[in-house]
Amino acid sequence: MTSPQEQRRKQAVDRYLAGDKIEAICREMQCSPSWLYKWKNRYQPDDPGWATSRSTQPRQNPRQLPQSIQQRVVAWRQTVAPNGKRWSATAIQKELQRQGIEPIPSLRTIYRMLQRQDQDDV
């Protein structure tokens, strides 16, 4: 099942491939030339899904901490410290430094991870 947006994209590209002028297509379909060129460039005759929307979200976040560090922070938080209390963000940061783990997250980042974990536990 195709959405109305996909049908519109296919119709515009079909008209372009049939030889209609770009100006006429854009005027009649009330679209910009950049929109038409975008879908013309994505057109793949052998791919039926070429007209579907793609996510603009990045696949990776270069600023996000590695999953292994996040797991260690959460695990240490769940461990009882020698004084009988749960580990604080400061204690966890010092433990990461002591073990030589890189990159060392800021106290604020550790604190946010602990807050998220506390919310997940509720």
Protein backbone atom coordinates (compact mmCIF):
# COMPACT_ATOMS: atom_id res chain seq x y z
CA MET A 1 0.00 0.00 0.00
CA THR A 2 1.48 3.33 -1.00
CA SER A 3 0.86 6.62 0.74
CA PRO A 4 -0.45 9.71 -1.09
CA GLN A 5 3.03 11.26 -0.81
CA GLU A 6 4.62 8.27 -2.52
CA GLN A 7 2.01 8.34 -5.28
CA ARG A 8 2.70 12.06 -5.82
CA ARG A 9 6.45 11.43 -6.03
CA LYS A 10 5.97 8.61 -8.53
CA GLN A 11 3.60 10.69 -10.62
CA ALA A 12 6.08 13.60 -10.75
CA VAL A 13 8.98 11.35 -11.76
CA ASP A 14 6.83 9.49 -14.30
CA ARG A 15 5.94 12.81 -15.91
CA TYR A 16 9.61 13.82 -15.96
CA LEU A 17 10.60 10.50 -17.57
CA ALA A 18 7.81 10.95 -20.13
CA GLY A 19 9.48 14.17 -21.25
CA ASP A 20 7.38 16.85 -19.55
CA LYS A 21 9.26 20.04 -18.75
CA ILE A 22 10.31 20.50 -15.14
CA GLU A 23 8.70 23.95 -14.98
CA ALA A 24 5.34 22.54 -16.13
CA ILE A 25 5.47 19.64 -13.66
CA CYS A 26 6.32 21.95 -10.75
CA ARG A 27 3.65 24.48 -11.67
CA GLU A 28 0.88 21.90 -12.07
CA MET A 29 1.86 19.79 -9.05
CA GLN A 30 2.67 22.85 -6.94
CA CYS A 31 6.12 21.65 -5.97
CA SER A 32 9.57 23.17 -6.06
CA PRO A 33 12.19 22.16 -8.62
CA SER A 34 14.51 21.06 -5.80
CA TRP A 35 11.81 18.65 -4.58
CA LEU A 36 11.42 17.20 -8.07
CA TYR A 37 15.19 16.85 -8.55
CA LYS A 38 15.48 15.11 -5.18
CA TRP A 39 13.00 12.41 -6.18
CA LYS A 40 14.33 12.22 -9.75
CA ASN A 41 17.80 11.47 -8.32
CA ARG A 42 16.41 8.83 -5.95
CA TYR A 43 14.47 7.09 -8.71
CA GLN A 44 15.52 3.47 -9.14
CA PRO A 45 13.61 1.51 -11.81
CA ASP A 46 14.49 -1.82 -10.16
CA ASP A 47 13.59 -0.72 -6.59
CA PRO A 48 9.85 -0.44 -5.93
CA GLY A 49 10.49 1.37 -2.63
CA TRP A 50 12.48 4.28 -4.03
CA ALA A 51 9.67 6.76 -3.31
CA THR A 52 9.38 6.00 0.42
CA SER A 53 10.55 8.57 2.93
CA ARG A 54 13.88 8.07 4.63
CA SER A 55 14.74 8.96 8.17
CA THR A 56 16.85 12.08 8.61
CA GLN A 57 18.10 10.86 11.98
CA PRO A 58 21.80 10.04 12.00
CA ARG A 59 22.65 6.34 12.22
CA GLN A 60 25.30 7.02 14.83
CA ASN A 61 25.78 9.71 17.42
CA PRO A 62 29.51 10.47 17.67
CA ARG A 63 29.01 12.16 21.03
CA GLN A 64 27.22 9.22 22.63
CA LEU A 65 29.20 7.19 25.13
CA PRO A 66 29.99 3.60 24.21
CA GLN A 67 27.41 1.12 25.48
CA SER A 68 30.06 -0.69 27.54
CA ILE A 69 30.75 2.44 29.63
CA GLN A 70 27.05 3.06 30.16
CA GLN A 71 26.60 -0.53 31.33
CA ARG A 72 29.47 -0.19 33.79
CA VAL A 73 28.08 3.03 35.24
CA VAL A 74 24.68 1.41 35.78
CA ALA A 75 26.25 -1.73 37.25
CA TRP A 76 28.35 0.28 39.71
CA ARG A 77 25.29 2.28 40.69
CA GLN A 78 23.51 -0.94 41.60
CA THR A 79 26.50 -2.12 43.65
CA VAL A 80 26.71 -1.08 47.26
CA ALA A 81 29.73 1.12 48.07
CA PRO A 82 31.96 0.26 51.08
CA ASN A 83 30.11 2.78 53.26
CA GLY A 84 26.78 1.05 52.64
CA LYS A 85 25.39 3.70 50.26
CA ARG A 86 24.90 3.54 46.50
CA TRP A 87 27.71 4.86 44.34
CA SER A 88 27.54 8.57 43.53
CA ALA A 89 28.43 10.13 40.18
CA THR A 90 31.73 11.36 41.66
CA ALA A 91 32.66 7.91 42.97
CA ILE A 92 31.81 6.30 39.63
CA GLN A 93 33.89 8.88 37.73
CA LYS A 94 36.87 8.21 40.03
CA GLU A 95 36.46 4.46 39.53
CA LEU A 96 36.46 4.92 35.73
CA GLN A 97 39.67 6.96 36.00
CA ARG A 98 41.25 4.39 38.33
CA GLN A 99 40.53 1.60 35.86
CA GLY A 100 41.87 3.65 32.93
CA ILE A 101 38.63 3.57 30.96
CA GLU A 102 38.37 6.10 28.14
CA PRO A 103 36.55 8.35 27.44
CA ILE A 104 35.75 9.51 30.97
CA PRO A 105 32.24 10.99 31.00
CA SER A 106 31.61 14.23 32.85
CA LEU A 107 29.92 14.21 36.24
CA ARG A 108 26.79 15.66 34.65
CA THR A 109 26.70 12.88 32.05
CA ILE A 110 27.08 10.20 34.73
CA TYR A 111 24.39 11.88 36.80
CA ARG A 112 21.99 11.89 33.81
CA MET A 113 22.67 8.19 33.18
CA LEU A 114 21.88 7.45 36.83
CA GLN A 115 18.68 9.50 36.66
CA ARG A 116 17.56 7.60 33.55
CA GLN A 117 18.28 4.32 35.33
CA ASP A 118 16.29 5.42 38.38
CA GLN A 119 13.35 6.30 36.12
CA ASP A 120 13.56 2.93 34.38
CA ASP A 121 13.49 1.16 37.76
CA VAL A 122 10.21 2.81 38.77
